């Protein structure tokens, strides 16, 4: 964000030109964030996690800009409603669309997290089972490995 945009985002909305500028700024940020989140969702669904994590810096930057622009609009909501009621209604509709995209994104990310956690748990259990001695207990059945004696599973967190 350049210094002029940062200064503009923090000053109050007092004129019709400020209203138009604030609405355009928030709309552009919401549209950019929505597009980026949809792209991330598609990449995660396709299993392209490395490419999806590459979107993180841009996503963080857009989220920060969105927060600042939304706070500015909220702080001046009364004036905005009087000066541009129809445009504020359109912003609300766009906000709803962004929320729906974010909800879908969170569901996809939670599913990917759950699946990967399940894979790691199964892998860890399988390694523990294979490394444990195969002995029979007093009942004549194979005994389960002692979880306290299992060796730790080391992973690289780099995708």
C-alpha atoms as a PDB file:
ATOM      1  CA  UNK A   1       0.000   0.000   0.000  1.00  0.00           C
ATOM      2  CA  UNK A   2       1.483   3.348  -0.946  1.00  0.00           C
ATOM      3  CA  UNK A   3       1.626   6.210   1.598  1.00  0.00           C
ATOM      4  CA  UNK A   4      -1.131   8.170  -0.150  1.00  0.00           C
ATOM      5  CA  UNK A   5      -3.542   5.220   0.008  1.00  0.00           C
ATOM      6  CA  UNK A   6      -2.642   4.617   3.656  1.00  0.00           C
ATOM      7  CA  UNK A   7      -3.263   8.268   4.511  1.00  0.00           C
ATOM      8  CA  UNK A   8      -6.517   8.231   2.549  1.00  0.00           C
ATOM      9  CA  UNK A   9      -7.703   5.083   4.367  1.00  0.00           C
ATOM     10  CA  UNK A  10      -7.309   6.698   7.798  1.00  0.00           C
ATOM     11  CA  UNK A  11      -8.969  10.061   7.206  1.00  0.00           C
ATOM     12  CA  UNK A  12     -12.691  10.625   7.780  1.00  0.00           C
ATOM     13  CA  UNK A  13     -15.228  10.568   4.963  1.00  0.00           C
ATOM     14  CA  UNK A  14     -16.642  14.080   4.663  1.00  0.00           C
ATOM     15  CA  UNK A  15     -17.529  14.729   1.007  1.00  0.00           C
ATOM     16  CA  UNK A  16     -19.315  13.002  -1.853  1.00  0.00           C
ATOM     17  CA  UNK A  17     -15.919  12.400  -3.476  1.00  0.00           C
ATOM     18  CA  UNK A  18     -14.693  10.727  -0.276  1.00  0.00           C
ATOM     19  CA  UNK A  19     -17.794   8.513  -0.306  1.00  0.00           C
ATOM     20  CA  UNK A  20     -17.196   7.413  -3.894  1.00  0.00           C
ATOM     21  CA  UNK A  21     -13.505   6.864  -3.216  1.00  0.00           C
ATOM     22  CA  UNK A  22     -14.163   4.790  -0.081  1.00  0.00           C
ATOM     23  CA  UNK A  23     -16.768   2.655  -1.825  1.00  0.00           C
ATOM     24  CA  UNK A  24     -14.548   2.073  -4.867  1.00  0.00           C
ATOM     25  CA  UNK A  25     -11.566   1.236  -2.637  1.00  0.00           C
ATOM     26  CA  UNK A  26     -13.522  -1.266  -0.529  1.00  0.00           C
ATOM     27  CA  UNK A  27     -15.142  -2.811  -3.610  1.00  0.00           C
ATOM     28  CA  UNK A  28     -11.786  -3.321  -5.325  1.00  0.00           C
ATOM     29  CA  UNK A  29     -10.258  -4.909  -2.238  1.00  0.00           C
ATOM     30  CA  UNK A  30     -13.270  -7.217  -1.717  1.00  0.00           C
ATOM     31  CA  UNK A  31     -13.235  -8.280  -5.358  1.00  0.00           C
ATOM     32  CA  UNK A  32      -9.490  -8.973  -5.253  1.00  0.00           C
ATOM     33  CA  UNK A  33      -9.781 -10.927  -2.008  1.00  0.00           C
ATOM     34  CA  UNK A  34     -12.747 -12.913  -3.304  1.00  0.00           C
ATOM     35  CA  UNK A  35     -10.883 -13.852  -6.498  1.00  0.00           C
ATOM     36  CA  UNK A  36      -7.760 -14.845  -4.566  1.00  0.00           C
ATOM     37  CA  UNK A  37      -9.698 -16.956  -2.040  1.00  0.00           C
ATOM     38  CA  UNK A  38     -11.569 -18.711  -4.859  1.00  0.00           C
ATOM     39  CA  UNK A  39      -8.220 -19.454  -6.516  1.00  0.00           C
ATOM     40  CA  UNK A  40      -6.793 -20.812  -3.247  1.00  0.00           C
ATOM     41  CA  UNK A  41      -9.874 -22.987  -2.737  1.00  0.00           C
ATOM     42  CA  UNK A  42      -9.549 -24.435  -6.239  1.00  0.00           C
ATOM     43  CA  UNK A  43      -5.846 -25.175  -5.733  1.00  0.00           C
ATOM     44  CA  UNK A  44      -6.417 -26.916  -2.386  1.00  0.00           C
ATOM     45  CA  UNK A  45      -9.245 -28.973  -3.859  1.00  0.00           C
ATOM     46  CA  UNK A  46      -6.912 -30.004  -6.684  1.00  0.00           C
ATOM     47  CA  UNK A  47      -4.248 -31.008  -4.160  1.00  0.00           C
ATOM     48  CA  UNK A  48      -1.818 -28.310  -5.275  1.00  0.00           C
ATOM     49  CA  UNK A  49      -0.904 -27.203  -1.764  1.00  0.00           C
ATOM     50  CA  UNK A  50       2.485 -25.793  -2.692  1.00  0.00           C
ATOM     51  CA  UNK A  51       0.899 -23.382  -5.186  1.00  0.00           C
ATOM     52  CA  UNK A  52      -1.874 -22.547  -2.718  1.00  0.00           C
ATOM     53  CA  UNK A  53       0.618 -21.565  -0.009  1.00  0.00           C
ATOM     54  CA  UNK A  54       2.303 -19.264  -2.524  1.00  0.00           C
ATOM     55  CA  UNK A  55      -0.830 -17.105  -2.453  1.00  0.00           C
ATOM     56  CA  UNK A  56      -0.436 -16.404   1.280  1.00  0.00           C
ATOM     57  CA  UNK A  57       1.568 -13.121   1.070  1.00  0.00           C
ATOM     58  CA  UNK A  58      -0.930 -11.535  -1.342  1.00  0.00           C
ATOM     59  CA  UNK A  59      -3.852 -12.864   0.691  1.00  0.00           C
ATOM     60  CA  UNK A  60      -2.454 -11.338   3.894  1.00  0.00           C
ATOM     61  CA  UNK A  61      -1.866  -8.007   2.180  1.00  0.00           C
ATOM     62  CA  UNK A  62      -5.409  -7.913   0.779  1.00  0.00           C
ATOM     63  CA  UNK A  63      -6.903  -8.960   4.113  1.00  0.00           C
ATOM     64  CA  UNK A  64      -5.084  -6.095   5.846  1.00  0.00           C
ATOM     65  CA  UNK A  65      -6.297  -3.602   3.248  1.00  0.00           C
ATOM     66  CA  UNK A  66      -9.822  -5.000   3.534  1.00  0.00           C
ATOM     67  CA  UNK A  67      -9.815  -4.611   7.313  1.00  0.00           C
ATOM     68  CA  UNK A  68      -8.653  -0.972   7.103  1.00  0.00           C
ATOM     69  CA  UNK A  69     -11.129  -0.057   4.371  1.00  0.00           C
ATOM     70  CA  UNK A  70     -14.019  -1.778   6.173  1.00  0.00           C
ATOM     71  CA  UNK A  71     -13.159  -0.035   9.460  1.00  0.00           C
ATOM     72  CA  UNK A  72     -13.148   3.319   7.664  1.00  0.00           C
ATOM     73  CA  UNK A  73     -16.555   2.614   6.146  1.00  0.00           C
ATOM     74  CA  UNK A  74     -17.961   1.432   9.499  1.00  0.00           C
ATOM     75  CA  UNK A  75     -16.644   4.514  11.266  1.00  0.00           C
ATOM     76  CA  UNK A  76     -18.470   6.720   8.760  1.00  0.00           C
ATOM     77  CA  UNK A  77     -21.566   4.554   8.261  1.00  0.00           C
ATOM     78  CA  UNK A  78     -24.143   7.263   8.999  1.00  0.00           C
ATOM     79  CA  UNK A  79     -22.721   9.710   6.493  1.00  0.00           C
ATOM     80  CA  UNK A  80     -22.324   6.950   3.900  1.00  0.00           C
ATOM     81  CA  UNK A  81     -25.929   5.826   4.333  1.00  0.00           C
ATOM     82  CA  UNK A  82     -27.185   9.393   3.792  1.00  0.00           C
ATOM     83  CA  UNK A  83     -24.858  10.185   0.896  1.00  0.00           C
ATOM     84  CA  UNK A  84     -24.932   6.891  -1.015  1.00  0.00           C
ATOM     85  CA  UNK A  85     -27.562   4.535   0.388  1.00  0.00           C
ATOM     86  CA  UNK A  86     -27.876   2.453  -2.797  1.00  0.00           C
ATOM     87  CA  UNK A  87     -24.110   2.012  -3.068  1.00  0.00           C
ATOM     88  CA  UNK A  88     -23.925   0.969   0.567  1.00  0.00           C
ATOM     89  CA  UNK A  89     -26.601  -1.660  -0.135  1.00  0.00           C
ATOM     90  CA  UNK A  90     -24.500  -2.978  -3.033  1.00  0.00           C
ATOM     91  CA  UNK A  91     -21.493  -3.114  -0.702  1.00  0.00           C
ATOM     92  CA  UNK A  92     -23.543  -5.196   1.723  1.00  0.00           C
ATOM     93  CA  UNK A  93     -24.428  -7.626  -1.062  1.00  0.00           C
ATOM     94  CA  UNK A  94     -20.765  -7.904  -2.081  1.00  0.00           C
ATOM     95  CA  UNK A  95     -19.863  -8.467   1.563  1.00  0.00           C
ATOM     96  CA  UNK A  96     -22.324 -11.374   1.668  1.00  0.00           C
ATOM     97  CA  UNK A  97     -20.768 -12.893  -1.452  1.00  0.00           C
ATOM     98  CA  UNK A  98     -17.293 -12.576   0.063  1.00  0.00           C
ATOM     99  CA  UNK A  99     -18.476 -14.214   3.290  1.00  0.00           C
ATOM    100  CA  UNK A 100     -19.898 -17.159   1.320  1.00  0.00           C
ATOM    101  CA  UNK A 101     -16.590 -17.618  -0.539  1.00  0.00           C
ATOM    102  CA  UNK A 102     -14.652 -17.408   2.742  1.00  0.00           C
ATOM    103  CA  UNK A 103     -16.947 -19.995   4.334  1.00  0.00           C
ATOM    104  CA  UNK A 104     -16.378 -22.411   1.448  1.00  0.00           C
ATOM    105  CA  UNK A 105     -12.628 -21.780   1.676  1.00  0.00           C
ATOM    106  CA  UNK A 106     -12.584 -22.548   5.391  1.00  0.00           C
ATOM    107  CA  UNK A 107     -14.510 -25.782   4.836  1.00  0.00           C
ATOM    108  CA  UNK A 108     -12.067 -26.883   2.116  1.00  0.00           C
ATOM    109  CA  UNK A 109      -9.049 -25.994   4.280  1.00  0.00           C
ATOM    110  CA  UNK A 110     -10.519 -27.818   7.295  1.00  0.00           C
ATOM    111  CA  UNK A 111     -11.175 -30.886   5.155  1.00  0.00           C
ATOM    112  CA  UNK A 112      -7.615 -30.863   3.786  1.00  0.00           C
ATOM    113  CA  UNK A 113      -6.275 -30.495   7.331  1.00  0.00           C
ATOM    114  CA  UNK A 114      -8.413 -33.358   8.591  1.00  0.00           C
ATOM    115  CA  UNK A 115      -7.391 -35.649   5.736  1.00  0.00           C
ATOM    116  CA  UNK A 116      -3.693 -34.912   6.177  1.00  0.00           C
ATOM    117  CA  UNK A 117      -3.948 -35.416   9.940  1.00  0.00           C
ATOM    118  CA  UNK A 118      -5.635 -38.785   9.368  1.00  0.00           C
ATOM    119  CA  UNK A 119      -2.873 -39.833   6.982  1.00  0.00           C
ATOM    120  CA  UNK A 120      -0.173 -38.902   9.498  1.00  0.00           C
ATOM    121  CA  UNK A 121      -1.971 -40.716  12.331  1.00  0.00           C
ATOM    122  CA  UNK A 122      -2.346 -43.876  10.249  1.00  0.00           C
ATOM    123  CA  UNK A 123       1.286 -43.683   9.162  1.00  0.00           C
ATOM    124  CA  UNK A 124       2.435 -43.231  12.743  1.00  0.00           C
ATOM    125  CA  UNK A 125       0.304 -46.164  13.921  1.00  0.00           C
ATOM    126  CA  UNK A 126       1.568 -48.378  11.127  1.00  0.00           C
ATOM    127  CA  UNK A 127       5.198 -47.523  11.887  1.00  0.00           C
ATOM    128  CA  UNK A 128       4.649 -48.187  15.590  1.00  0.00           C
ATOM    129  CA  UNK A 129       2.972 -51.511  14.828  1.00  0.00           C
ATOM    130  CA  UNK A 130       5.790 -52.617  12.520  1.00  0.00           C
ATOM    131  CA  UNK A 131       8.539 -51.617  14.933  1.00  0.00           C
ATOM    132  CA  UNK A 132       6.963 -53.381  17.921  1.00  0.00           C
ATOM    133  CA  UNK A 133       7.949 -56.996  18.555  1.00  0.00           C
ATOM    134  CA  UNK A 134       5.326 -59.512  17.470  1.00  0.00           C
ATOM    135  CA  UNK A 135       4.588 -61.422  20.675  1.00  0.00           C
ATOM    136  CA  UNK A 136       1.595 -63.179  22.112  1.00  0.00           C
ATOM    137  CA  UNK A 137      -0.009 -62.223  25.377  1.00  0.00           C
ATOM    138  CA  UNK A 138      -1.372 -64.496  28.112  1.00  0.00           C
ATOM    139  CA  UNK A 139      -4.636 -64.930  26.203  1.00  0.00           C
ATOM    140  CA  UNK A 140      -2.837 -66.308  23.152  1.00  0.00           C
ATOM    141  CA  UNK A 141      -3.510 -63.229  21.042  1.00  0.00           C
ATOM    142  CA  UNK A 142      -0.967 -60.799  19.645  1.00  0.00           C
ATOM    143  CA  UNK A 143      -0.490 -57.914  22.048  1.00  0.00           C
ATOM    144  CA  UNK A 144      -0.851 -54.301  20.928  1.00  0.00           C
ATOM    145  CA  UNK A 145       2.277 -52.170  20.987  1.00  0.00           C
ATOM    146  CA  UNK A 146       2.763 -49.963  24.012  1.00  0.00           C
ATOM    147  CA  UNK A 147       2.148 -46.367  22.842  1.00  0.00           C
ATOM    148  CA  UNK A 148       4.665 -45.013  25.385  1.00  0.00           C
ATOM    149  CA  UNK A 149       7.442 -47.031  23.776  1.00  0.00           C
ATOM    150  CA  UNK A 150       6.669 -45.832  20.235  1.00  0.00           C
ATOM    151  CA  UNK A 151       9.371 -43.850  18.480  1.00  0.00           C
ATOM    152  CA  UNK A 152       8.457 -40.316  17.444  1.00  0.00           C
ATOM    153  CA  UNK A 153       7.533 -39.586  13.866  1.00  0.00           C
ATOM    154  CA  UNK A 154       9.610 -36.748  12.363  1.00  0.00           C
ATOM    155  CA  UNK A 155       8.086 -34.688   9.561  1.00  0.00           C
ATOM    156  CA  UNK A 156       9.259 -31.820   7.460  1.00  0.00           C
ATOM    157  CA  UNK A 157       6.742 -28.978   7.653  1.00  0.00           C
ATOM    158  CA  UNK A 158       7.949 -27.657   4.316  1.00  0.00           C
ATOM    159  CA  UNK A 159       5.494 -28.523   1.585  1.00  0.00           C
END
